[in-house]
Amino acid sequence: MSILRGGHFHDIVKLKSRRKQRFGEGRCADMFRLWGKIIRDNHLIRDTVSVRSEDDTRTHKVLSALDEICAVFDLERPIWLDATISDFKKRDKARFYQDSFIEAIDFDYLEIQVIEE
């Protein structure tokens, strides 16, 4: 049974078990890392990793991490299309092509990937 119905962005959130990372003595925090990459002609042009440790929903972590990645790359926030949501749900990875941006981009796509939860 699919979690995604009607293509709503908030349905991206999946129930997953979370890994805990230890910080100091007995203090645990959820770590969430989102890797952002700019690709042109099948080459990695730039990349960055956004780390989130706040206690928040997965959707909010993804959105705030994407905002940080876009700020680092000096990009506007891309639009989540139905195909992008579907890919992110299946693979924890999404690609944003020109049709996800209002302004013209000088690369082929922006890819985001969850590397740690």
N, C-alpha and C. Protein backbone atom coordinates (compact mmCIF):
# COMPACT_ATOMS: atom_id res chain seq x y z
N MET A 1 0.84 -1.18 0.00
CA MET A 1 0.00 0.00 0.00
C MET A 1 0.88 1.24 0.00
N SER A 2 0.59 2.17 -0.83
CA SER A 2 1.39 3.36 -0.99
C SER A 2 1.05 4.39 0.08
N ILE A 3 2.08 5.04 0.60
CA ILE A 3 1.88 6.13 1.55
C ILE A 3 1.46 7.39 0.80
N LEU A 4 1.95 7.54 -0.42
CA LEU A 4 1.65 8.74 -1.21
C LEU A 4 0.29 8.60 -1.87
N ARG A 5 -0.58 9.52 -1.63
CA ARG A 5 -1.89 9.56 -2.29
C ARG A 5 -2.16 10.98 -2.69
N GLY A 6 -2.47 11.21 -3.92
CA GLY A 6 -2.80 12.55 -4.38
C GLY A 6 -1.61 13.46 -4.56
N GLY A 7 -0.38 12.95 -4.40
CA GLY A 7 0.80 13.74 -4.65
C GLY A 7 1.05 14.87 -3.66
N HIS A 8 0.58 14.76 -2.43
CA HIS A 8 0.76 15.81 -1.44
C HIS A 8 2.17 15.73 -0.87
N PHE A 9 2.80 16.90 -0.75
CA PHE A 9 4.18 16.93 -0.27
C PHE A 9 4.33 16.35 1.13
N HIS A 10 3.38 16.63 2.00
CA HIS A 10 3.52 16.17 3.38
C HIS A 10 3.44 14.65 3.49
N ASP A 11 3.04 13.98 2.42
CA ASP A 11 3.03 12.53 2.43
C ASP A 11 4.41 11.95 2.21
N ILE A 12 5.41 12.82 2.02
CA ILE A 12 6.78 12.34 1.87
C ILE A 12 7.22 11.63 3.15
N VAL A 13 6.71 12.10 4.26
CA VAL A 13 7.13 11.55 5.54
C VAL A 13 6.79 10.07 5.61
N LYS A 14 7.78 9.27 5.83
CA LYS A 14 7.58 7.84 5.99
C LYS A 14 7.91 7.46 7.42
N LEU A 15 7.25 6.43 7.87
CA LEU A 15 7.58 5.93 9.19
C LEU A 15 8.84 5.08 9.06
N LYS A 16 9.89 5.51 9.70
CA LYS A 16 11.16 4.81 9.64
C LYS A 16 11.74 4.72 11.04
N SER A 17 12.50 3.71 11.25
CA SER A 17 13.22 3.67 12.51
C SER A 17 14.41 4.62 12.38
N ARG A 18 14.70 5.30 13.45
CA ARG A 18 15.78 6.28 13.42
C ARG A 18 16.98 5.77 14.19
N ARG A 19 18.12 6.05 13.65
CA ARG A 19 19.34 5.69 14.35
C ARG A 19 19.73 6.82 15.29
N LYS A 20 20.24 6.44 16.41
CA LYS A 20 20.66 7.43 17.41
C LYS A 20 22.18 7.58 17.34
N GLN A 21 22.63 8.80 17.48
CA GLN A 21 24.06 9.11 17.55
C GLN A 21 24.36 9.58 18.97
N ARG A 22 25.45 9.15 19.51
CA ARG A 22 25.84 9.56 20.86
C ARG A 22 26.65 10.84 20.80
N PHE A 23 26.34 11.75 21.73
CA PHE A 23 27.07 13.00 21.86
C PHE A 23 27.42 13.17 23.33
N GLY A 24 28.67 13.03 23.65
CA GLY A 24 29.10 13.23 25.03
C GLY A 24 28.58 12.13 25.93
N GLU A 25 28.33 12.47 27.18
CA GLU A 25 27.92 11.50 28.17
C GLU A 25 26.41 11.32 28.19
N GLY A 26 25.94 10.22 27.66
CA GLY A 26 24.55 9.84 27.77
C GLY A 26 23.56 10.70 27.01
N ARG A 27 24.03 11.71 26.30
CA ARG A 27 23.13 12.57 25.54
C ARG A 27 22.98 12.05 24.13
N CYS A 28 21.75 11.78 23.71
CA CYS A 28 21.48 11.25 22.37
C CYS A 28 20.68 12.26 21.58
N ALA A 29 20.93 12.30 20.29
CA ALA A 29 20.15 13.18 19.42
C ALA A 29 19.97 12.50 18.08
N ASP A 30 18.84 12.76 17.44
CA ASP A 30 18.61 12.26 16.10
C ASP A 30 19.46 13.08 15.15
N MET A 31 20.18 12.39 14.27
CA MET A 31 20.96 13.08 13.26
C MET A 31 20.30 12.88 11.92
N PHE A 32 20.19 13.94 11.18
CA PHE A 32 19.62 13.89 9.85
C PHE A 32 20.59 14.63 8.94
N ARG A 33 21.04 13.95 7.89
CA ARG A 33 21.97 14.57 6.95
C ARG A 33 21.42 14.47 5.54
N LEU A 34 21.41 15.60 4.86
CA LEU A 34 20.94 15.68 3.48
C LEU A 34 22.09 16.19 2.62
N TRP A 35 22.44 15.42 1.60
CA TRP A 35 23.54 15.76 0.71
C TRP A 35 22.97 16.43 -0.53
N GLY A 36 23.43 17.61 -0.84
CA GLY A 36 23.00 18.33 -2.03
C GLY A 36 24.13 18.38 -3.05
N LYS A 37 23.80 18.09 -4.32
CA LYS A 37 24.82 18.06 -5.37
C LYS A 37 24.31 18.79 -6.60
N ILE A 38 25.18 19.56 -7.21
CA ILE A 38 24.89 20.19 -8.50
C ILE A 38 25.65 19.40 -9.56
N ILE A 39 24.91 18.94 -10.57
CA ILE A 39 25.48 18.10 -11.62
C ILE A 39 25.33 18.80 -12.98
N ARG A 40 26.45 18.82 -13.73
CA ARG A 40 26.43 19.33 -15.10
C ARG A 40 27.26 18.38 -15.97
N ASP A 41 26.68 17.94 -17.08
CA ASP A 41 27.35 17.02 -18.01
C ASP A 41 27.90 15.79 -17.30
N ASN A 42 27.10 15.22 -16.40
CA ASN A 42 27.45 14.02 -15.63
C ASN A 42 28.68 14.21 -14.73
N HIS A 43 28.96 15.46 -14.36
CA HIS A 43 30.07 15.75 -13.46
C HIS A 43 29.54 16.50 -12.24
N LEU A 44 30.08 16.16 -11.10
CA LEU A 44 29.75 16.85 -9.86
C LEU A 44 30.44 18.21 -9.88
N ILE A 45 29.66 19.27 -9.84
CA ILE A 45 30.20 20.63 -9.88
C ILE A 45 30.41 21.17 -8.46
N ARG A 46 29.39 21.02 -7.62
CA ARG A 46 29.46 21.46 -6.23
C ARG A 46 28.64 20.51 -5.38
N ASP A 47 29.00 20.40 -4.11
CA ASP A 47 28.19 19.63 -3.18
C ASP A 47 28.33 20.19 -1.78
N THR A 48 27.36 19.86 -0.96
CA THR A 48 27.36 20.27 0.43
C THR A 48 26.46 19.31 1.21
N VAL A 49 26.68 19.25 2.50
CA VAL A 49 25.86 18.41 3.38
C VAL A 49 25.23 19.29 4.45
N SER A 50 23.94 19.16 4.61
CA SER A 50 23.21 19.87 5.66
C SER A 50 22.93 18.88 6.79
N VAL A 51 23.28 19.26 8.00
CA VAL A 51 23.09 18.40 9.17
C VAL A 51 22.02 19.01 10.05
N ARG A 52 21.05 18.21 10.43
CA ARG A 52 19.96 18.63 11.30
C ARG A 52 19.92 17.70 12.50
N SER A 53 19.86 18.28 13.69
CA SER A 53 19.76 17.47 14.90
C SER A 53 18.56 17.87 15.75
N GLU A 54 17.79 18.86 15.29
CA GLU A 54 16.64 19.30 16.07
C GLU A 54 15.56 18.21 16.08
N ASP A 55 14.74 18.26 17.09
CA ASP A 55 13.63 17.31 17.21
C ASP A 55 12.45 17.88 16.43
N ASP A 56 12.28 17.40 15.21
CA ASP A 56 11.25 17.91 14.33
C ASP A 56 10.79 16.78 13.43
N THR A 57 9.75 17.01 12.65
CA THR A 57 9.28 15.98 11.73
C THR A 57 10.27 15.83 10.59
N ARG A 58 10.21 14.69 9.93
CA ARG A 58 11.11 14.43 8.81
C ARG A 58 10.89 15.44 7.69
N THR A 59 9.65 15.79 7.43
CA THR A 59 9.34 16.77 6.38
C THR A 59 9.99 18.11 6.68
N HIS A 60 9.89 18.58 7.91
CA HIS A 60 10.50 19.85 8.27
C HIS A 60 12.02 19.79 8.19
N LYS A 61 12.60 18.65 8.56
CA LYS A 61 14.06 18.50 8.43
C LYS A 61 14.49 18.55 6.97
N VAL A 62 13.73 17.87 6.10
CA VAL A 62 14.06 17.88 4.67
C VAL A 62 13.96 19.29 4.12
N LEU A 63 12.87 19.99 4.43
CA LEU A 63 12.67 21.34 3.90
C LEU A 63 13.71 22.32 4.43
N SER A 64 14.01 22.26 5.71
CA SER A 64 15.01 23.20 6.25
C SER A 64 16.40 22.87 5.72
N ALA A 65 16.71 21.59 5.54
CA ALA A 65 18.00 21.21 4.96
C ALA A 65 18.09 21.65 3.50
N LEU A 66 16.99 21.50 2.75
CA LEU A 66 16.97 21.96 1.36
C LEU A 66 17.12 23.47 1.28
N ASP A 67 16.49 24.20 2.19
CA ASP A 67 16.67 25.66 2.24
C ASP A 67 18.13 26.03 2.47
N GLU A 68 18.79 25.32 3.38
CA GLU A 68 20.21 25.59 3.66
C GLU A 68 21.07 25.29 2.44
N ILE A 69 20.80 24.16 1.78
CA ILE A 69 21.56 23.78 0.59
C ILE A 69 21.38 24.82 -0.51
N CYS A 70 20.15 25.27 -0.71
CA CYS A 70 19.88 26.30 -1.73
C CYS A 70 20.58 27.61 -1.38
N ALA A 71 20.65 27.95 -0.11
CA ALA A 71 21.35 29.18 0.30
C ALA A 71 22.85 29.07 0.00
N VAL A 72 23.42 27.91 0.28
CA VAL A 72 24.84 27.70 0.00
C VAL A 72 25.12 27.80 -1.50
N PHE A 73 24.23 27.25 -2.32
CA PHE A 73 24.39 27.27 -3.77
C PHE A 73 23.83 28.54 -4.41
N ASP A 74 23.27 29.45 -3.63
CA ASP A 74 22.64 30.67 -4.11
C ASP A 74 21.56 30.36 -5.15
N LEU A 75 20.65 29.48 -4.77
CA LEU A 75 19.53 29.07 -5.62
C LEU A 75 18.22 29.37 -4.93
N GLU A 76 17.18 29.54 -5.72
CA GLU A 76 15.84 29.61 -5.16
C GLU A 76 15.42 28.18 -4.75
N ARG A 77 14.44 28.07 -3.87
CA ARG A 77 13.95 26.75 -3.49
C ARG A 77 13.19 26.15 -4.68
N PRO A 78 13.53 24.91 -5.06
CA PRO A 78 12.84 24.28 -6.20
C PRO A 78 11.41 23.86 -5.83
N ILE A 79 10.62 23.64 -6.86
CA ILE A 79 9.24 23.19 -6.71
C ILE A 79 9.24 21.66 -6.68
N TRP A 80 8.50 21.09 -5.74
CA TRP A 80 8.38 19.64 -5.64
C TRP A 80 7.28 19.16 -6.60
N LEU A 81 7.66 18.56 -7.71
CA LEU A 81 6.70 17.99 -8.65
C LEU A 81 6.32 16.59 -8.19
N ASP A 82 5.23 16.04 -8.72
CA ASP A 82 4.78 14.70 -8.33
C ASP A 82 5.86 13.64 -8.56
N ALA A 83 6.57 13.74 -9.68
CA ALA A 83 7.63 12.77 -9.98
C ALA A 83 8.77 12.88 -8.97
N THR A 84 9.09 14.10 -8.56
CA THR A 84 10.14 14.32 -7.58
C THR A 84 9.75 13.72 -6.23
N ILE A 85 8.52 13.93 -5.83
CA ILE A 85 8.03 13.37 -4.57
C ILE A 85 8.08 11.85 -4.60
N SER A 86 7.66 11.27 -5.72
CA SER A 86 7.66 9.82 -5.86
C SER A 86 9.07 9.25 -5.76
N ASP A 87 10.03 9.87 -6.44
CA ASP A 87 11.42 9.42 -6.37
C ASP A 87 11.98 9.53 -4.95
N PHE A 88 11.66 10.65 -4.28
CA PHE A 88 12.17 10.84 -2.94
C PHE A 88 11.58 9.82 -1.98
N LYS A 89 10.33 9.49 -2.16
CA LYS A 89 9.67 8.50 -1.32
C LYS A 89 10.30 7.12 -1.50
N LYS A 90 10.60 6.76 -2.73
CA LYS A 90 11.14 5.42 -3.02
C LYS A 90 12.61 5.27 -2.65
N ARG A 91 13.41 6.30 -2.92
CA ARG A 91 14.86 6.15 -2.83
C ARG A 91 15.55 7.08 -1.85
N ASP A 92 14.80 7.95 -1.17
CA ASP A 92 15.40 9.00 -0.33
C ASP A 92 16.35 9.87 -1.14
N LYS A 93 16.06 10.00 -2.43
CA LYS A 93 16.88 10.79 -3.35
C LYS A 93 15.94 11.45 -4.34
N ALA A 94 16.23 12.70 -4.69
CA ALA A 94 15.39 13.42 -5.66
C ALA A 94 16.27 14.31 -6.53
N ARG A 95 15.83 14.48 -7.77
CA ARG A 95 16.52 15.37 -8.71
C ARG A 95 15.57 16.48 -9.12
N PHE A 96 16.09 17.69 -9.08
CA PHE A 96 15.33 18.87 -9.49
C PHE A 96 15.93 19.39 -10.79
N TYR A 97 15.19 19.25 -11.89
CA TYR A 97 15.62 19.71 -13.20
C TYR A 97 15.11 21.13 -13.42
N GLN A 98 15.36 21.68 -14.60
CA GLN A 98 14.95 23.04 -14.93
C GLN A 98 13.47 23.28 -14.67
N ASP A 99 12.62 22.28 -14.91
CA ASP A 99 11.18 22.48 -14.72
C ASP A 99 10.77 22.65 -13.26
N SER A 100 11.70 22.41 -12.33
CA SER A 100 11.42 22.63 -10.91
C SER A 100 11.83 24.02 -10.44
N PHE A 101 12.49 24.77 -11.31
CA PHE A 101 12.97 26.11 -10.97
C PHE A 101 12.26 27.14 -11.83
N ILE A 102 11.99 28.30 -11.25
CA ILE A 102 11.37 29.39 -12.00
C ILE A 102 12.42 30.10 -12.84
N GLU A 103 13.59 30.36 -12.23
CA GLU A 103 14.68 31.01 -12.94
C GLU A 103 15.49 29.96 -13.72
N ALA A 104 16.22 30.44 -14.73
CA ALA A 104 17.08 29.54 -15.51
C ALA A 104 18.26 29.08 -14.64
N ILE A 105 18.66 27.84 -14.81
CA ILE A 105 19.80 27.28 -14.08
C ILE A 105 20.92 26.98 -15.07
N ASP A 106 22.16 27.05 -14.61
CA ASP A 106 23.30 26.80 -15.48
C ASP A 106 23.93 25.42 -15.24
N PHE A 107 23.12 24.49 -14.79
CA PHE A 107 23.54 23.11 -14.56
C PHE A 107 22.41 22.20 -15.00
N ASP A 108 22.65 20.89 -15.02
CA ASP A 108 21.62 19.96 -15.49
C ASP A 108 20.56 19.69 -14.42
N TYR A 109 21.00 19.44 -13.19
CA TYR A 109 20.04 19.20 -12.11
C TYR A 109 20.68 19.34 -10.74
N LEU A 110 19.83 19.59 -9.76
CA LEU A 110 20.20 19.58 -8.35
C LEU A 110 19.69 18.28 -7.78
N GLU A 111 20.57 17.52 -7.15
CA GLU A 111 20.16 16.25 -6.55
C GLU A 111 20.32 16.34 -5.04
N ILE A 112 19.31 15.86 -4.32
CA ILE A 112 19.41 15.76 -2.87
C ILE A 112 19.26 14.30 -2.49
N GLN A 113 19.96 13.91 -1.43
CA GLN A 113 19.92 12.52 -0.99
C GLN A 113 20.09 12.48 0.53
N VAL A 114 19.21 11.72 1.17
CA VAL A 114 19.33 11.51 2.61
C VAL A 114 20.46 10.52 2.82
N ILE A 115 21.46 10.91 3.60
CA ILE A 115 22.58 10.01 3.85
C ILE A 115 22.61 9.48 5.28
N GLU A 116 21.82 10.08 6.16
CA GLU A 116 21.73 9.56 7.51
C GLU A 116 20.46 10.04 8.17
N GLU A 117 19.80 9.12 8.87
CA GLU A 117 18.61 9.47 9.66
C GLU A 117 18.78 8.91 11.04
